[in-house]
């Protein structure tokens, strides 16, 4: 991935920047959807007390975990070169 001399090219730096942005945006979306699915009923049905606290707490914890796992998985896949060489094609002989 490094150019001769250990420096990255502008294209490689741009690809890393785009991949980090994609990882953060997709992770934020997944975390928000999960939080809404778990904690949403507490707000939708006007729940109070321990039930609301439990749902919001569980939603927060799960959202943080999903966010972290998504960011790491996207960036690890990128670092390993898991991107297809021909986007949209599924087999090497396409």
Protein backbone atom coordinates (compact mmCIF):
# COMPACT_ATOMS: atom_id res chain seq x y z
CA UNK A 1 0.00 0.00 0.00
CA UNK A 2 2.96 2.28 0.54
CA UNK A 3 4.77 3.83 -2.37
CA UNK A 4 8.53 3.40 -2.58
CA UNK A 5 10.17 5.10 0.36
CA UNK A 6 7.26 4.39 2.73
CA UNK A 7 5.07 7.29 1.63
CA UNK A 8 1.49 6.93 0.48
CA UNK A 9 0.34 8.40 -2.80
CA UNK A 10 -2.41 11.00 -2.92
CA UNK A 11 -4.80 8.38 -4.31
CA UNK A 12 -4.09 6.06 -1.39
CA UNK A 13 -4.63 8.87 1.12
CA UNK A 14 -7.90 9.79 -0.59
CA UNK A 15 -9.05 6.15 -0.53
CA UNK A 16 -8.30 5.92 3.19
CA UNK A 17 -10.18 9.15 3.87
CA UNK A 18 -13.22 7.96 1.93
CA UNK A 19 -13.16 4.59 3.69
CA UNK A 20 -12.96 6.20 7.13
CA UNK A 21 -15.89 8.46 6.25
CA UNK A 22 -17.90 5.49 4.99
CA UNK A 23 -17.07 3.49 8.13
CA UNK A 24 -18.18 6.32 10.43
CA UNK A 25 -21.37 7.16 8.51
CA UNK A 26 -22.52 3.57 8.10
CA UNK A 27 -21.71 2.84 11.75
CA UNK A 28 -23.65 5.90 12.93
CA UNK A 29 -26.64 4.89 10.83
CA UNK A 30 -26.59 1.30 12.12
CA UNK A 31 -26.23 2.48 15.72
CA UNK A 32 -29.09 4.98 15.35
CA UNK A 33 -31.41 2.37 13.86
CA UNK A 34 -30.58 -0.11 16.63
CA UNK A 35 -31.01 2.52 19.34
CA UNK A 36 -34.37 3.51 17.87
CA UNK A 37 -35.52 -0.11 17.71
CA UNK A 38 -34.57 -0.84 21.32
CA UNK A 39 -35.26 2.49 23.06
CA UNK A 40 -38.00 3.73 20.73
CA UNK A 41 -40.85 1.91 22.45
CA UNK A 42 -39.98 3.66 25.73
CA UNK A 43 -40.66 7.00 24.07
CA UNK A 44 -43.42 5.84 21.74
CA UNK A 45 -45.57 4.33 24.49
CA UNK A 46 -44.66 6.87 27.16
CA UNK A 47 -43.08 4.35 29.49
CA UNK A 48 -41.61 5.63 32.74
CA UNK A 49 -39.43 4.44 35.55
CA UNK A 50 -37.23 1.38 35.42
CA UNK A 51 -38.59 0.04 32.14
CA UNK A 52 -37.73 3.24 30.30
CA UNK A 53 -34.31 3.41 31.93
CA UNK A 54 -33.61 -0.22 31.04
CA UNK A 55 -34.62 0.21 27.41
CA UNK A 56 -32.67 3.43 26.95
CA UNK A 57 -29.64 1.96 28.72
CA UNK A 58 -29.74 -1.24 26.68
CA UNK A 59 -30.22 0.75 23.48
CA UNK A 60 -27.24 2.95 24.31
CA UNK A 61 -24.95 0.04 25.13
CA UNK A 62 -25.97 -1.90 22.02
CA UNK A 63 -25.60 1.17 19.82
CA UNK A 64 -22.06 1.80 21.08
CA UNK A 65 -21.12 -1.85 20.52
CA UNK A 66 -22.61 -1.92 17.00
CA UNK A 67 -20.91 1.38 16.13
CA UNK A 68 -17.53 0.10 17.28
CA UNK A 69 -17.84 -3.28 15.58
CA UNK A 70 -18.97 -1.71 12.32
CA UNK A 71 -16.11 0.82 12.20
CA UNK A 72 -13.51 -1.83 12.99
CA UNK A 73 -14.91 -4.36 10.52
CA UNK A 74 -15.05 -1.87 7.64
CA UNK A 75 -11.54 -0.59 8.26
CA UNK A 76 -10.05 -4.07 8.72
CA UNK A 77 -11.68 -5.25 5.50
CA UNK A 78 -10.24 -2.21 3.71
CA UNK A 79 -6.77 -2.78 5.17
CA UNK A 80 -6.81 -6.40 4.00
CA UNK A 81 -7.75 -5.34 0.49
CA UNK A 82 -11.22 -6.87 0.56
CA UNK A 83 -12.49 -4.48 -2.05
CA UNK A 84 -13.50 -6.02 -5.37
CA UNK A 85 -11.29 -5.21 -8.33
CA UNK A 86 -14.36 -4.98 -10.57
CA UNK A 87 -17.27 -3.43 -8.63
CA UNK A 88 -20.57 -5.10 -9.39
CA UNK A 89 -19.01 -8.32 -10.58
CA UNK A 90 -19.18 -11.38 -8.38
CA UNK A 91 -16.81 -13.85 -10.02
CA UNK A 92 -13.22 -13.40 -11.14
CA UNK A 93 -14.00 -14.52 -14.70
CA UNK A 94 -16.76 -11.94 -15.25
